[in-house]
Amino acid sequence: MRRSNESPPPGERRARKIDRSGKAIASEKTKSAPENQGKSLPPKATLARRWPRLRVNRFNFKWVDDATGERGDDVESLRAFLERKATS
């Protein structure tokens, strides 16, 4: 029996990785932000340049601005915060 870290012999395919629900795990990269939520947000570089004390978790969109102490839990509150800051 071959070990899991060894390559399979020629002509034999590797076993597919399966998650708990039985679906095959995709080998392609996944995006960190959901497609419909991240489109209207500025890129990370723009956020860092214009709001250096703003920290955004792009997986769940929780954010905090260390300069003002404001924080939020979703992308809508982040958009509203950015619009307020851009106009002031």
N, C-alpha and C. Protein backbone atom coordinates (compact mmCIF):
# COMPACT_ATOMS: atom_id res chain seq x y z
N MET A 1 0.84 -1.17 0.00
CA MET A 1 0.00 0.00 0.00
C MET A 1 0.89 1.24 0.00
N ARG A 2 0.51 2.19 -0.83
CA ARG A 2 1.33 3.38 -0.91
C ARG A 2 0.87 4.42 0.09
N ARG A 3 1.83 5.24 0.52
CA ARG A 3 1.52 6.30 1.49
C ARG A 3 0.82 7.46 0.79
N SER A 4 0.12 8.27 1.58
CA SER A 4 -0.67 9.36 0.99
C SER A 4 0.21 10.45 0.38
N ASN A 5 1.46 10.58 0.83
CA ASN A 5 2.31 11.64 0.30
C ASN A 5 3.11 11.18 -0.92
N GLU A 6 2.99 9.93 -1.32
CA GLU A 6 3.70 9.43 -2.49
C GLU A 6 2.87 9.67 -3.75
N SER A 7 3.54 9.80 -4.87
CA SER A 7 2.85 9.96 -6.13
C SER A 7 2.25 8.62 -6.55
N PRO A 8 1.12 8.68 -7.25
CA PRO A 8 0.53 7.41 -7.71
C PRO A 8 1.37 6.82 -8.83
N PRO A 9 1.32 5.51 -9.01
CA PRO A 9 2.06 4.89 -10.11
C PRO A 9 1.52 5.40 -11.46
N PRO A 10 2.33 5.32 -12.51
CA PRO A 10 1.88 5.78 -13.82
C PRO A 10 0.59 5.08 -14.23
N GLY A 11 -0.33 5.86 -14.78
CA GLY A 11 -1.59 5.30 -15.24
C GLY A 11 -2.66 5.27 -14.17
N GLU A 12 -2.32 5.50 -12.91
CA GLU A 12 -3.31 5.50 -11.84
C GLU A 12 -3.62 6.95 -11.47
N ARG A 13 -4.88 7.23 -11.25
CA ARG A 13 -5.28 8.59 -10.90
C ARG A 13 -5.32 8.76 -9.40
N ARG A 14 -5.13 9.99 -8.97
CA ARG A 14 -5.24 10.30 -7.54
C ARG A 14 -6.71 10.27 -7.13
N ALA A 15 -6.94 9.96 -5.88
CA ALA A 15 -8.29 10.00 -5.36
C ALA A 15 -8.74 11.44 -5.24
N ARG A 16 -10.01 11.69 -5.54
CA ARG A 16 -10.54 13.05 -5.42
C ARG A 16 -10.77 13.38 -3.97
N LYS A 17 -10.51 14.63 -3.62
CA LYS A 17 -10.78 15.08 -2.27
C LYS A 17 -12.27 15.39 -2.15
N ILE A 18 -12.89 14.88 -1.10
CA ILE A 18 -14.32 15.03 -0.90
C ILE A 18 -14.56 15.72 0.44
N ASP A 19 -15.48 16.69 0.45
CA ASP A 19 -15.80 17.33 1.72
C ASP A 19 -16.87 16.52 2.46
N ARG A 20 -17.30 16.99 3.60
CA ARG A 20 -18.23 16.22 4.43
C ARG A 20 -19.57 15.98 3.76
N SER A 21 -20.03 16.90 2.93
CA SER A 21 -21.33 16.73 2.29
C SER A 21 -21.25 15.82 1.08
N GLY A 22 -20.07 15.37 0.70
CA GLY A 22 -19.92 14.45 -0.42
C GLY A 22 -19.62 15.13 -1.74
N LYS A 23 -19.50 16.45 -1.73
CA LYS A 23 -19.19 17.16 -2.96
C LYS A 23 -17.68 17.19 -3.17
N ALA A 24 -17.27 17.11 -4.41
CA ALA A 24 -15.84 17.19 -4.71
C ALA A 24 -15.36 18.61 -4.44
N ILE A 25 -14.20 18.74 -3.84
CA ILE A 25 -13.62 20.03 -3.55
C ILE A 25 -12.95 20.56 -4.81
N ALA A 26 -13.29 21.78 -5.18
CA ALA A 26 -12.71 22.39 -6.37
C ALA A 26 -11.26 22.74 -6.12
N SER A 27 -10.44 22.55 -7.11
CA SER A 27 -9.02 22.85 -6.95
C SER A 27 -8.70 24.29 -7.34
N GLU A 28 -9.66 24.99 -7.92
CA GLU A 28 -9.39 26.37 -8.32
C GLU A 28 -9.47 27.29 -7.11
N LYS A 29 -8.85 28.45 -7.23
CA LYS A 29 -8.84 29.42 -6.14
C LYS A 29 -10.25 29.96 -5.93
N THR A 30 -10.56 30.21 -4.68
CA THR A 30 -11.84 30.82 -4.38
C THR A 30 -11.61 32.29 -4.08
N LYS A 31 -12.59 33.09 -4.39
CA LYS A 31 -12.49 34.52 -4.12
C LYS A 31 -12.75 34.76 -2.65
N SER A 32 -12.09 35.76 -2.11
CA SER A 32 -12.29 36.05 -0.69
C SER A 32 -13.59 36.79 -0.44
N ALA A 33 -14.06 37.55 -1.40
CA ALA A 33 -15.30 38.31 -1.21
C ALA A 33 -16.38 37.72 -2.11
N PRO A 34 -17.60 37.67 -1.64
CA PRO A 34 -18.69 37.24 -2.50
C PRO A 34 -18.81 38.17 -3.70
N GLU A 35 -19.15 37.61 -4.83
CA GLU A 35 -19.13 38.37 -6.08
C GLU A 35 -20.05 39.59 -6.04
N ASN A 36 -21.23 39.45 -5.48
CA ASN A 36 -22.18 40.55 -5.53
C ASN A 36 -21.88 41.63 -4.50
N GLN A 37 -21.11 41.34 -3.47
CA GLN A 37 -20.86 42.33 -2.43
C GLN A 37 -19.63 43.17 -2.68
N GLY A 38 -18.59 42.62 -3.25
CA GLY A 38 -17.33 43.34 -3.35
C GLY A 38 -17.18 44.26 -4.53
N LYS A 39 -18.16 44.30 -5.45
CA LYS A 39 -17.98 45.06 -6.67
C LYS A 39 -17.94 46.57 -6.44
N SER A 40 -18.70 47.09 -5.49
CA SER A 40 -18.75 48.53 -5.33
C SER A 40 -17.73 49.04 -4.31
N LEU A 41 -16.98 48.16 -3.72
CA LEU A 41 -15.95 48.59 -2.77
C LEU A 41 -14.68 48.96 -3.52
N PRO A 42 -13.98 49.99 -3.05
CA PRO A 42 -12.70 50.32 -3.68
C PRO A 42 -11.68 49.21 -3.43
N PRO A 43 -10.64 49.15 -4.24
CA PRO A 43 -9.58 48.16 -4.01
C PRO A 43 -8.89 48.38 -2.67
N LYS A 44 -8.21 47.35 -2.20
CA LYS A 44 -7.53 47.42 -0.91
C LYS A 44 -6.53 48.56 -0.84
N ALA A 45 -5.81 48.81 -1.93
CA ALA A 45 -4.81 49.87 -1.94
C ALA A 45 -5.45 51.25 -1.76
N THR A 46 -6.59 51.47 -2.39
CA THR A 46 -7.29 52.74 -2.26
C THR A 46 -7.80 52.93 -0.83
N LEU A 47 -8.38 51.87 -0.27
CA LEU A 47 -8.84 51.94 1.12
C LEU A 47 -7.69 52.27 2.06
N ALA A 48 -6.56 51.62 1.88
CA ALA A 48 -5.40 51.84 2.76
C ALA A 48 -4.83 53.25 2.61
N ARG A 49 -4.87 53.79 1.41
CA ARG A 49 -4.32 55.12 1.18
C ARG A 49 -5.25 56.21 1.73
N ARG A 50 -6.56 56.10 1.46
CA ARG A 50 -7.49 57.15 1.86
C ARG A 50 -7.92 57.06 3.32
N TRP A 51 -8.02 55.84 3.84
CA TRP A 51 -8.44 55.61 5.23
C TRP A 51 -7.44 54.67 5.88
N PRO A 52 -6.29 55.18 6.31
CA PRO A 52 -5.23 54.30 6.82
C PRO A 52 -5.59 53.57 8.11
N ARG A 53 -6.54 54.07 8.89
CA ARG A 53 -6.90 53.42 10.15
C ARG A 53 -8.09 52.48 9.99
N LEU A 54 -8.61 52.32 8.77
CA LEU A 54 -9.75 51.44 8.51
C LEU A 54 -9.26 50.01 8.30
N ARG A 55 -9.86 49.08 9.02
CA ARG A 55 -9.53 47.66 8.85
C ARG A 55 -10.79 46.94 8.40
N VAL A 56 -10.68 46.18 7.29
CA VAL A 56 -11.84 45.47 6.74
C VAL A 56 -11.49 44.00 6.60
N ASN A 57 -12.35 43.14 7.12
CA ASN A 57 -12.23 41.70 6.90
C ASN A 57 -13.02 41.40 5.64
N ARG A 58 -12.34 41.05 4.57
CA ARG A 58 -13.01 40.85 3.29
C ARG A 58 -13.69 39.49 3.18
N PHE A 59 -13.60 38.66 4.18
CA PHE A 59 -14.33 37.39 4.18
C PHE A 59 -15.77 37.58 4.67
N ASN A 60 -15.94 38.36 5.73
CA ASN A 60 -17.28 38.56 6.27
C ASN A 60 -17.69 40.02 6.32
N PHE A 61 -16.83 40.92 5.87
CA PHE A 61 -17.06 42.36 5.77
C PHE A 61 -17.31 43.04 7.11
N LYS A 62 -16.77 42.47 8.18
CA LYS A 62 -16.76 43.21 9.44
C LYS A 62 -15.65 44.24 9.32
N TRP A 63 -15.89 45.44 9.82
CA TRP A 63 -14.92 46.51 9.67
C TRP A 63 -14.89 47.36 10.92
N VAL A 64 -13.77 48.05 11.10
CA VAL A 64 -13.62 49.00 12.20
C VAL A 64 -12.67 50.11 11.74
N ASP A 65 -13.03 51.34 12.12
CA ASP A 65 -12.18 52.49 11.85
C ASP A 65 -11.56 52.89 13.18
N ASP A 66 -10.27 52.67 13.33
CA ASP A 66 -9.60 52.96 14.58
C ASP A 66 -9.52 54.46 14.87
N ALA A 67 -9.62 55.29 13.86
CA ALA A 67 -9.54 56.74 14.07
C ALA A 67 -10.80 57.27 14.75
N THR A 68 -11.98 56.78 14.35
CA THR A 68 -13.24 57.29 14.89
C THR A 68 -13.90 56.32 15.85
N GLY A 69 -13.54 55.07 15.81
CA GLY A 69 -14.15 54.06 16.66
C GLY A 69 -15.41 53.45 16.07
N GLU A 70 -15.80 53.87 14.87
CA GLU A 70 -16.98 53.30 14.22
C GLU A 70 -16.68 51.89 13.77
N ARG A 71 -17.72 51.04 13.79
CA ARG A 71 -17.56 49.67 13.33
C ARG A 71 -18.86 49.18 12.74
N GLY A 72 -18.77 48.11 11.96
CA GLY A 72 -19.96 47.55 11.34
C GLY A 72 -19.78 46.07 11.03
N ASP A 73 -20.90 45.43 10.70
CA ASP A 73 -20.90 43.99 10.48
C ASP A 73 -21.22 43.56 9.06
N ASP A 74 -21.54 44.50 8.19
CA ASP A 74 -21.90 44.10 6.83
C ASP A 74 -21.41 45.12 5.81
N VAL A 75 -21.54 44.75 4.56
CA VAL A 75 -21.00 45.59 3.49
C VAL A 75 -21.82 46.86 3.31
N GLU A 76 -23.13 46.82 3.61
CA GLU A 76 -23.95 48.02 3.46
C GLU A 76 -23.50 49.12 4.43
N SER A 77 -23.20 48.75 5.67
CA SER A 77 -22.74 49.75 6.62
C SER A 77 -21.36 50.28 6.23
N LEU A 78 -20.53 49.44 5.63
CA LEU A 78 -19.22 49.88 5.17
C LEU A 78 -19.36 50.87 4.02
N ARG A 79 -20.26 50.58 3.08
CA ARG A 79 -20.50 51.51 1.97
C ARG A 79 -20.99 52.86 2.49
N ALA A 80 -21.93 52.83 3.44
CA ALA A 80 -22.45 54.08 4.00
C ALA A 80 -21.34 54.87 4.70
N PHE A 81 -20.48 54.19 5.43
CA PHE A 81 -19.36 54.84 6.11
C PHE A 81 -18.42 55.47 5.09
N LEU A 82 -18.08 54.76 4.04
CA LEU A 82 -17.17 55.29 3.02
C LEU A 82 -17.78 56.49 2.31
N GLU A 83 -19.10 56.45 2.05
CA GLU A 83 -19.75 57.60 1.39
C GLU A 83 -19.74 58.82 2.31
N ARG A 84 -19.99 58.62 3.61
CA ARG A 84 -19.94 59.73 4.56
C ARG A 84 -18.56 60.34 4.61
N LYS A 85 -17.54 59.49 4.66
CA LYS A 85 -16.14 59.97 4.77
C LYS A 85 -15.69 60.64 3.48
N ALA A 86 -16.16 60.16 2.32
CA ALA A 86 -15.73 60.73 1.06
C ALA A 86 -16.31 62.13 0.86
N THR A 87 -17.51 62.37 1.40
CA THR A 87 -18.12 63.69 1.21
C THR A 87 -17.66 64.69 2.27
N SER A 88 -17.17 64.20 3.39
CA SER A 88 -16.74 65.15 4.43
C SER A 88 -15.30 65.53 4.31
